[in-house]
């Protein structure tokens, strides 16, 4: 799935590098630093325990659900007013 079609977002759910970057950011002060990742991290596609066919299925289901939500969302002519709790 290409990046412009959401591939980057959906794959973060099972991507080994994305997971390592999140763990790095949570384990250190400041943002994630890719150079702190173990050598060879980029050679691992999925998280441990996630098989390739499961990753493909997860992406397909997530994409279908996202598309259904967008197509069935209530349409409004303009942005609603900001709610009090957000002001």
PDB file of N, CA and C in Angstrom:
ATOM      1  N   UNK A   1       0.851  -1.173   0.000  1.00  0.00           N
ATOM      2  CA  UNK A   1       0.000   0.000   0.000  1.00  0.00           C
ATOM      3  C   UNK A   1       0.892   1.230   0.000  1.00  0.00           C
ATOM      4  N   UNK A   2       0.582   2.182  -0.843  1.00  0.00           N
ATOM      5  CA  UNK A   2       1.423   3.369  -0.958  1.00  0.00           C
ATOM      6  C   UNK A   2       1.179   4.333   0.197  1.00  0.00           C
ATOM      7  N   UNK A   3       2.156   5.188   0.434  1.00  0.00           N
ATOM      8  CA  UNK A   3       2.048   6.137   1.534  1.00  0.00           C
ATOM      9  C   UNK A   3       0.881   7.096   1.358  1.00  0.00           C
ATOM     10  N   UNK A   4       0.618   7.524   0.124  1.00  0.00           N
ATOM     11  CA  UNK A   4      -0.459   8.487  -0.081  1.00  0.00           C
ATOM     12  C   UNK A   4      -1.837   7.879   0.155  1.00  0.00           C
ATOM     13  N   UNK A   5      -1.941   6.586   0.244  1.00  0.00           N
ATOM     14  CA  UNK A   5      -3.212   5.932   0.536  1.00  0.00           C
ATOM     15  C   UNK A   5      -3.284   5.427   1.971  1.00  0.00           C
ATOM     16  N   UNK A   6      -2.477   5.955   2.840  1.00  0.00           N
ATOM     17  CA  UNK A   6      -2.559   5.599   4.249  1.00  0.00           C
ATOM     18  C   UNK A   6      -1.676   4.452   4.677  1.00  0.00           C
ATOM     19  N   UNK A   7      -0.873   3.913   3.777  1.00  0.00           N
ATOM     20  CA  UNK A   7      -0.028   2.776   4.136  1.00  0.00           C
ATOM     21  C   UNK A   7       0.866   3.054   5.323  1.00  0.00           C
ATOM     22  N   UNK A   8       1.398   4.247   5.381  1.00  0.00           N
ATOM     23  CA  UNK A   8       2.294   4.586   6.491  1.00  0.00           C
ATOM     24  C   UNK A   8       1.553   4.592   7.814  1.00  0.00           C
ATOM     25  N   UNK A   9       0.326   5.055   7.820  1.00  0.00           N
ATOM     26  CA  UNK A   9      -0.426   5.112   9.067  1.00  0.00           C
ATOM     27  C   UNK A   9      -0.882   3.726   9.510  1.00  0.00           C
ATOM     28  N   UNK A  10      -1.452   2.964   8.628  1.00  0.00           N
ATOM     29  CA  UNK A  10      -1.962   1.641   9.000  1.00  0.00           C
ATOM     30  C   UNK A  10      -0.838   0.704   9.414  1.00  0.00           C
ATOM     31  N   UNK A  11       0.261   0.750   8.702  1.00  0.00           N
ATOM     32  CA  UNK A  11       1.340  -0.191   8.991  1.00  0.00           C
ATOM     33  C   UNK A  11       2.039   0.091  10.310  1.00  0.00           C
ATOM     34  N   UNK A  12       1.850   1.278  10.862  1.00  0.00           N
ATOM     35  CA  UNK A  12       2.468   1.579  12.158  1.00  0.00           C
ATOM     36  C   UNK A  12       1.940   0.667  13.261  1.00  0.00           C
ATOM     37  N   UNK A  13       0.787   0.050  13.023  1.00  0.00           N
ATOM     38  CA  UNK A  13       0.206  -0.843  14.023  1.00  0.00           C
ATOM     39  C   UNK A  13       1.028  -2.107  14.227  1.00  0.00           C
ATOM     40  N   UNK A  14       1.778  -2.517  13.233  1.00  0.00           N
ATOM     41  CA  UNK A  14       2.534  -3.771  13.325  1.00  0.00           C
ATOM     42  C   UNK A  14       3.979  -3.649  12.839  1.00  0.00           C
ATOM     43  N   UNK A  15       4.405  -2.457  12.467  1.00  0.00           N
ATOM     44  CA  UNK A  15       5.736  -2.242  11.907  1.00  0.00           C
ATOM     45  C   UNK A  15       6.813  -2.283  12.990  1.00  0.00           C
ATOM     46  N   UNK A  16       7.842  -3.072  12.783  1.00  0.00           N
ATOM     47  CA  UNK A  16       8.911  -3.243  13.775  1.00  0.00           C
ATOM     48  C   UNK A  16       9.680  -1.949  14.017  1.00  0.00           C
ATOM     49  N   UNK A  17       9.981  -1.207  12.967  1.00  0.00           N
ATOM     50  CA  UNK A  17      10.743   0.034  13.124  1.00  0.00           C
ATOM     51  C   UNK A  17       9.904   1.080  13.858  1.00  0.00           C
ATOM     52  N   UNK A  18       8.641   1.210  13.490  1.00  0.00           N
ATOM     53  CA  UNK A  18       7.768   2.172  14.170  1.00  0.00           C
ATOM     54  C   UNK A  18       7.675   1.855  15.656  1.00  0.00           C
ATOM     55  N   UNK A  19       7.545   0.581  15.982  1.00  0.00           N
ATOM     56  CA  UNK A  19       7.465   0.168  17.383  1.00  0.00           C
ATOM     57  C   UNK A  19       8.747   0.525  18.124  1.00  0.00           C
ATOM     58  N   UNK A  20       9.884   0.236  17.521  1.00  0.00           N
ATOM     59  CA  UNK A  20      11.173   0.551  18.159  1.00  0.00           C
ATOM     60  C   UNK A  20      11.333   2.059  18.356  1.00  0.00           C
ATOM     61  N   UNK A  21      10.856   2.848  17.394  1.00  0.00           N
ATOM     62  CA  UNK A  21      10.950   4.302  17.530  1.00  0.00           C
ATOM     63  C   UNK A  21      10.061   4.811  18.668  1.00  0.00           C
ATOM     64  N   UNK A  22       8.878   4.246  18.792  1.00  0.00           N
ATOM     65  CA  UNK A  22       7.987   4.629  19.894  1.00  0.00           C
ATOM     66  C   UNK A  22       8.621   4.274  21.229  1.00  0.00           C
ATOM     67  N   UNK A  23       9.147   3.063  21.340  1.00  0.00           N
ATOM     68  CA  UNK A  23       9.802   2.638  22.584  1.00  0.00           C
ATOM     69  C   UNK A  23      10.992   3.540  22.889  1.00  0.00           C
ATOM     70  N   UNK A  24      11.760   3.907  21.867  1.00  0.00           N
ATOM     71  CA  UNK A  24      12.901   4.792  22.070  1.00  0.00           C
ATOM     72  C   UNK A  24      12.443   6.150  22.594  1.00  0.00           C
ATOM     73  N   UNK A  25      11.395   6.705  21.993  1.00  0.00           N
ATOM     74  CA  UNK A  25      10.901   8.016  22.424  1.00  0.00           C
ATOM     75  C   UNK A  25      10.378   7.974  23.855  1.00  0.00           C
ATOM     76  N   UNK A  26       9.716   6.886  24.218  1.00  0.00           N
ATOM     77  CA  UNK A  26       9.168   6.772  25.572  1.00  0.00           C
ATOM     78  C   UNK A  26      10.236   6.460  26.612  1.00  0.00           C
ATOM     79  N   UNK A  27      11.345   5.916  26.174  1.00  0.00           N
ATOM     80  CA  UNK A  27      12.415   5.506  27.092  1.00  0.00           C
ATOM     81  C   UNK A  27      13.463   6.592  27.327  1.00  0.00           C
ATOM     82  N   UNK A  28      13.422   7.656  26.543  1.00  0.00           N
ATOM     83  CA  UNK A  28      14.427   8.715  26.640  1.00  0.00           C
ATOM     84  C   UNK A  28      13.738  10.075  26.683  1.00  0.00           C
ATOM     85  N   UNK A  29      14.452  11.045  27.178  1.00  0.00           N
ATOM     86  CA  UNK A  29      13.957  12.414  27.158  1.00  0.00           C
ATOM     87  C   UNK A  29      14.042  12.934  25.722  1.00  0.00           C
ATOM     88  N   UNK A  30      12.990  13.577  25.258  1.00  0.00           N
ATOM     89  CA  UNK A  30      12.988  14.113  23.901  1.00  0.00           C
ATOM     90  C   UNK A  30      12.447  13.116  22.894  1.00  0.00           C
ATOM     91  N   UNK A  31      12.591  13.448  21.618  1.00  0.00           N
ATOM     92  CA  UNK A  31      12.047  12.591  20.560  1.00  0.00           C
ATOM     93  C   UNK A  31      12.882  11.329  20.339  1.00  0.00           C
ATOM     94  N   UNK A  32      12.330  10.436  19.547  1.00  0.00           N
ATOM     95  CA  UNK A  32      13.058   9.222  19.168  1.00  0.00           C
ATOM     96  C   UNK A  32      14.290   9.608  18.351  1.00  0.00           C
ATOM     97  N   UNK A  33      15.339   8.832  18.519  1.00  0.00           N
ATOM     98  CA  UNK A  33      16.577   9.049  17.766  1.00  0.00           C
ATOM     99  C   UNK A  33      16.876   7.746  17.029  1.00  0.00           C
ATOM    100  N   UNK A  34      16.678   7.719  15.715  1.00  0.00           N
ATOM    101  CA  UNK A  34      16.877   6.484  14.955  1.00  0.00           C
ATOM    102  C   UNK A  34      18.239   5.828  15.156  1.00  0.00           C
ATOM    103  N   UNK A  35      19.266   6.610  15.387  1.00  0.00           N
ATOM    104  CA  UNK A  35      20.602   6.021  15.555  1.00  0.00           C
ATOM    105  C   UNK A  35      20.721   5.189  16.831  1.00  0.00           C
ATOM    106  N   UNK A  36      19.768   5.320  17.749  1.00  0.00           N
ATOM    107  CA  UNK A  36      19.787   4.496  18.962  1.00  0.00           C
ATOM    108  C   UNK A  36      19.190   3.111  18.729  1.00  0.00           C
ATOM    109  N   UNK A  37      18.535   2.914  17.601  1.00  0.00           N
ATOM    110  CA  UNK A  37      17.933   1.607  17.328  1.00  0.00           C
ATOM    111  C   UNK A  37      19.028   0.582  17.066  1.00  0.00           C
ATOM    112  N   UNK A  38      18.781  -0.665  17.469  1.00  0.00           N
ATOM    113  CA  UNK A  38      19.780  -1.710  17.225  1.00  0.00           C
ATOM    114  C   UNK A  38      20.042  -1.892  15.729  1.00  0.00           C
ATOM    115  N   UNK A  39      21.287  -2.199  15.401  1.00  0.00           N
ATOM    116  CA  UNK A  39      21.642  -2.467  14.012  1.00  0.00           C
ATOM    117  C   UNK A  39      20.766  -3.605  13.486  1.00  0.00           C
ATOM    118  N   UNK A  40      20.249  -3.459  12.303  1.00  0.00           N
ATOM    119  CA  UNK A  40      19.428  -4.496  11.697  1.00  0.00           C
ATOM    120  C   UNK A  40      17.940  -4.344  11.958  1.00  0.00           C
ATOM    121  N   UNK A  41      17.545  -3.345  12.744  1.00  0.00           N
ATOM    122  CA  UNK A  41      16.118  -3.145  13.023  1.00  0.00           C
ATOM    123  C   UNK A  41      15.322  -3.006  11.732  1.00  0.00           C
ATOM    124  N   UNK A  42      15.885  -2.305  10.763  1.00  0.00           N
ATOM    125  CA  UNK A  42      15.170  -2.067   9.507  1.00  0.00           C
ATOM    126  C   UNK A  42      15.029  -3.327   8.655  1.00  0.00           C
ATOM    127  N   UNK A  43      15.747  -4.370   9.002  1.00  0.00           N
ATOM    128  CA  UNK A  43      15.625  -5.629   8.263  1.00  0.00           C
ATOM    129  C   UNK A  43      14.426  -6.440   8.736  1.00  0.00           C
ATOM    130  N   UNK A  44      13.864  -6.061   9.875  1.00  0.00           N
ATOM    131  CA  UNK A  44      12.685  -6.737  10.413  1.00  0.00           C
ATOM    132  C   UNK A  44      11.456  -5.958   9.973  1.00  0.00           C
ATOM    133  N   UNK A  45      10.545  -6.618   9.293  1.00  0.00           N
ATOM    134  CA  UNK A  45       9.377  -5.925   8.758  1.00  0.00           C
ATOM    135  C   UNK A  45       8.293  -5.756   9.816  1.00  0.00           C
ATOM    136  N   UNK A  46       7.894  -6.843  10.437  1.00  0.00           N
ATOM    137  CA  UNK A  46       6.777  -6.808  11.379  1.00  0.00           C
ATOM    138  C   UNK A  46       7.248  -6.986  12.816  1.00  0.00           C
ATOM    139  N   UNK A  47       6.384  -6.627  13.740  1.00  0.00           N
ATOM    140  CA  UNK A  47       6.647  -6.887  15.151  1.00  0.00           C
ATOM    141  C   UNK A  47       6.814  -8.384  15.366  1.00  0.00           C
ATOM    142  N   UNK A  48       7.562  -8.777  16.384  1.00  0.00           N
ATOM    143  CA  UNK A  48       7.657 -10.211  16.689  1.00  0.00           C
ATOM    144  C   UNK A  48       6.260 -10.788  16.930  1.00  0.00           C
ATOM    145  N   UNK A  49       6.005 -11.918  16.350  1.00  0.00           N
ATOM    146  CA  UNK A  49       4.710 -12.576  16.510  1.00  0.00           C
ATOM    147  C   UNK A  49       3.667 -12.188  15.480  1.00  0.00           C
ATOM    148  N   UNK A  50       3.947 -11.184  14.659  1.00  0.00           N
ATOM    149  CA  UNK A  50       3.007 -10.782  13.609  1.00  0.00           C
ATOM    150  C   UNK A  50       3.495 -11.366  12.295  1.00  0.00           C
ATOM    151  N   UNK A  51       2.705 -12.284  11.750  1.00  0.00           N
ATOM    152  CA  UNK A  51       3.077 -12.917  10.483  1.00  0.00           C
ATOM    153  C   UNK A  51       2.658 -12.027   9.311  1.00  0.00           C
ATOM    154  N   UNK A  52       3.358 -12.134   8.189  1.00  0.00           N
ATOM    155  CA  UNK A  52       3.062 -11.258   7.048  1.00  0.00           C
ATOM    156  C   UNK A  52       1.596 -11.257   6.626  1.00  0.00           C
ATOM    157  N   UNK A  53       0.962 -12.428   6.581  1.00  0.00           N
ATOM    158  CA  UNK A  53      -0.438 -12.458   6.139  1.00  0.00           C
ATOM    159  C   UNK A  53      -1.346 -11.756   7.150  1.00  0.00           C
ATOM    160  N   UNK A  54      -0.975 -11.745   8.424  1.00  0.00           N
ATOM    161  CA  UNK A  54      -1.768 -11.031   9.428  1.00  0.00           C
ATOM    162  C   UNK A  54      -1.638  -9.520   9.238  1.00  0.00           C
ATOM    163  N   UNK A  55      -0.440  -9.078   8.889  1.00  0.00           N
ATOM    164  CA  UNK A  55      -0.221  -7.652   8.648  1.00  0.00           C
ATOM    165  C   UNK A  55      -1.018  -7.187   7.432  1.00  0.00           C
ATOM    166  N   UNK A  56      -1.017  -7.985   6.380  1.00  0.00           N
ATOM    167  CA  UNK A  56      -1.780  -7.641   5.177  1.00  0.00           C
ATOM    168  C   UNK A  56      -3.269  -7.596   5.500  1.00  0.00           C
ATOM    169  N   UNK A  57      -3.753  -8.576   6.249  1.00  0.00           N
ATOM    170  CA  UNK A  57      -5.170  -8.611   6.622  1.00  0.00           C
ATOM    171  C   UNK A  57      -5.535  -7.412   7.491  1.00  0.00           C
ATOM    172  N   UNK A  58      -4.674  -7.070   8.437  1.00  0.00           N
ATOM    173  CA  UNK A  58      -4.940  -5.924   9.318  1.00  0.00           C
ATOM    174  C   UNK A  58      -5.022  -4.630   8.518  1.00  0.00           C
ATOM    175  N   UNK A  59      -4.142  -4.480   7.544  1.00  0.00           N
ATOM    176  CA  UNK A  59      -4.159  -3.282   6.709  1.00  0.00           C
ATOM    177  C   UNK A  59      -5.437  -3.224   5.884  1.00  0.00           C
ATOM    178  N   UNK A  60      -5.852  -4.349   5.331  1.00  0.00           N
ATOM    179  CA  UNK A  60      -7.074  -4.389   4.522  1.00  0.00           C
ATOM    180  C   UNK A  60      -8.302  -4.058   5.361  1.00  0.00           C
ATOM    181  N   UNK A  61      -8.405  -4.653   6.532  1.00  0.00           N
ATOM    182  CA  UNK A  61      -9.566  -4.416   7.401  1.00  0.00           C
ATOM    183  C   UNK A  61      -9.586  -2.967   7.875  1.00  0.00           C
ATOM    184  N   UNK A  62      -8.443  -2.464   8.289  1.00  0.00           N
ATOM    185  CA  UNK A  62      -8.372  -1.081   8.762  1.00  0.00           C
ATOM    186  C   UNK A  62      -8.723  -0.112   7.636  1.00  0.00           C
ATOM    187  N   UNK A  63      -8.202  -0.369   6.455  1.00  0.00           N
ATOM    188  CA  UNK A  63      -8.517   0.484   5.309  1.00  0.00           C
ATOM    189  C   UNK A  63      -9.995   0.458   4.961  1.00  0.00           C
ATOM    190  N   UNK A  64     -10.600  -0.721   4.996  1.00  0.00           N
ATOM    191  CA  UNK A  64     -12.030  -0.844   4.701  1.00  0.00           C
ATOM    192  C   UNK A  64     -12.864  -0.117   5.751  1.00  0.00           C
ATOM    193  N   UNK A  65     -12.508  -0.273   7.013  1.00  0.00           N
ATOM    194  CA  UNK A  65     -13.243   0.408   8.085  1.00  0.00           C
ATOM    195  C   UNK A  65     -13.104   1.922   7.974  1.00  0.00           C
ATOM    196  N   UNK A  66     -11.897   2.383   7.685  1.00  0.00           N
ATOM    197  CA  UNK A  66     -11.659   3.818   7.529  1.00  0.00           C
ATOM    198  C   UNK A  66     -12.495   4.371   6.375  1.00  0.00           C
ATOM    199  N   UNK A  67     -12.480   3.675   5.255  1.00  0.00           N
ATOM    200  CA  UNK A  67     -13.245   4.110   4.087  1.00  0.00           C
ATOM    201  C   UNK A  67     -14.731   4.160   4.401  1.00  0.00           C
ATOM    202  N   UNK A  68     -15.246   3.137   5.089  1.00  0.00           N
ATOM    203  CA  UNK A  68     -16.664   3.109   5.453  1.00  0.00           C
ATOM    204  C   UNK A  68     -17.017   4.286   6.359  1.00  0.00           C
ATOM    205  N   UNK A  69     -16.155   4.589   7.306  1.00  0.00           N
ATOM    206  CA  UNK A  69     -16.408   5.717   8.216  1.00  0.00           C
ATOM    207  C   UNK A  69     -16.441   7.039   7.453  1.00  0.00           C
ATOM    208  N   UNK A  70     -15.509   7.224   6.542  1.00  0.00           N
ATOM    209  CA  UNK A  70     -15.465   8.468   5.760  1.00  0.00           C
ATOM    210  C   UNK A  70     -16.712   8.592   4.884  1.00  0.00           C
ATOM    211  N   UNK A  71     -17.088   7.515   4.222  1.00  0.00           N
ATOM    212  CA  UNK A  71     -18.239   7.562   3.323  1.00  0.00           C
ATOM    213  C   UNK A  71     -19.553   7.744   4.066  1.00  0.00           C
ATOM    214  N   UNK A  72     -19.631   7.233   5.297  1.00  0.00           N
ATOM    215  CA  UNK A  72     -20.877   7.292   6.064  1.00  0.00           C
ATOM    216  C   UNK A  72     -20.900   8.410   7.102  1.00  0.00           C
ATOM    217  N   UNK A  73     -19.878   9.230   7.141  1.00  0.00           N
ATOM    218  CA  UNK A  73     -19.822  10.315   8.126  1.00  0.00           C
ATOM    219  C   UNK A  73     -20.901  11.354   7.842  1.00  0.00           C
ATOM    220  N   UNK A  74     -21.409  11.949   8.906  1.00  0.00           N
ATOM    221  CA  UNK A  74     -22.385  13.018   8.762  1.00  0.00           C
ATOM    222  C   UNK A  74     -21.707  14.219   8.107  1.00  0.00           C
ATOM    223  N   UNK A  75     -22.333  14.719   7.069  1.00  0.00           N
ATOM    224  CA  UNK A  75     -21.775  15.864   6.345  1.00  0.00           C
ATOM    225  C   UNK A  75     -22.357  17.150   6.938  1.00  0.00           C
ATOM    226  N   UNK A  76     -21.524  18.152   7.132  1.00  0.00           N
ATOM    227  CA  UNK A  76     -21.974  19.444   7.648  1.00  0.00           C
ATOM    228  C   UNK A  76     -21.514  20.537   6.691  1.00  0.00           C
ATOM    229  N   UNK A  77     -22.277  21.621   6.592  1.00  0.00           N
ATOM    230  CA  UNK A  77     -21.912  22.679   5.648  1.00  0.00           C
ATOM    231  C   UNK A  77     -20.719  23.523   6.103  1.00  0.00           C
ATOM    232  N   UNK A  78     -20.429  23.504   7.416  1.00  0.00           N
ATOM    233  CA  UNK A  78     -19.319  24.306   7.945  1.00  0.00           C
ATOM    234  C   UNK A  78     -18.842  23.692   9.251  1.00  0.00           C
ATOM    235  N   UNK A  79     -17.705  24.162   9.725  1.00  0.00           N
ATOM    236  CA  UNK A  79     -17.187  23.698  11.012  1.00  0.00           C
ATOM    237  C   UNK A  79     -18.179  24.070  12.107  1.00  0.00           C
ATOM    238  N   UNK A  80     -18.491  23.145  13.015  1.00  0.00           N
ATOM    239  CA  UNK A  80     -19.368  23.504  14.132  1.00  0.00           C
ATOM    240  C   UNK A  80     -18.617  24.421  15.098  1.00  0.00           C
ATOM    241  N   UNK A  81     -19.350  25.155  15.947  1.00  0.00           N
ATOM    242  CA  UNK A  81     -18.663  26.024  16.905  1.00  0.00           C
ATOM    243  C   UNK A  81     -17.827  25.203  17.884  1.00  0.00           C
ATOM    244  N   UNK A  82     -16.765  25.803  18.366  1.00  0.00           N
ATOM    245  CA  UNK A  82     -15.884  25.143  19.317  1.00  0.00           C
ATOM    246  C   UNK A  82     -16.630  24.936  20.627  1.00  0.00           C
ATOM    247  N   UNK A  83     -16.582  23.728  21.159  1.00  0.00           N
ATOM    248  CA  UNK A  83     -17.272  23.448  22.420  1.00  0.00           C
ATOM    249  C   UNK A  83     -16.559  24.137  23.577  1.00  0.00           C
ATOM    250  N   UNK A  84     -17.314  24.414  24.620  1.00  0.00           N
ATOM    251  CA  UNK A  84     -16.795  25.183  25.757  1.00  0.00           C
ATOM    252  C   UNK A  84     -15.554  24.548  26.377  1.00  0.00           C
ATOM    253  N   UNK A  85     -15.531  23.223  26.495  1.00  0.00           N
ATOM    254  CA  UNK A  85     -14.397  22.570  27.149  1.00  0.00           C
ATOM    255  C   UNK A  85     -13.099  22.712  26.358  1.00  0.00           C
ATOM    256  N   UNK A  86     -13.202  23.051  25.090  1.00  0.00           N
ATOM    257  CA  UNK A  86     -12.010  23.163  24.251  1.00  0.00           C
ATOM    258  C   UNK A  86     -11.526  24.606  24.102  1.00  0.00           C
ATOM    259  N   UNK A  87     -12.234  25.528  24.699  1.00  0.00           N
ATOM    260  CA  UNK A  87     -11.848  26.946  24.572  1.00  0.00           C
ATOM    261  C   UNK A  87     -10.839  27.350  25.617  1.00  0.00           C
TER     262      UNK A  87
END
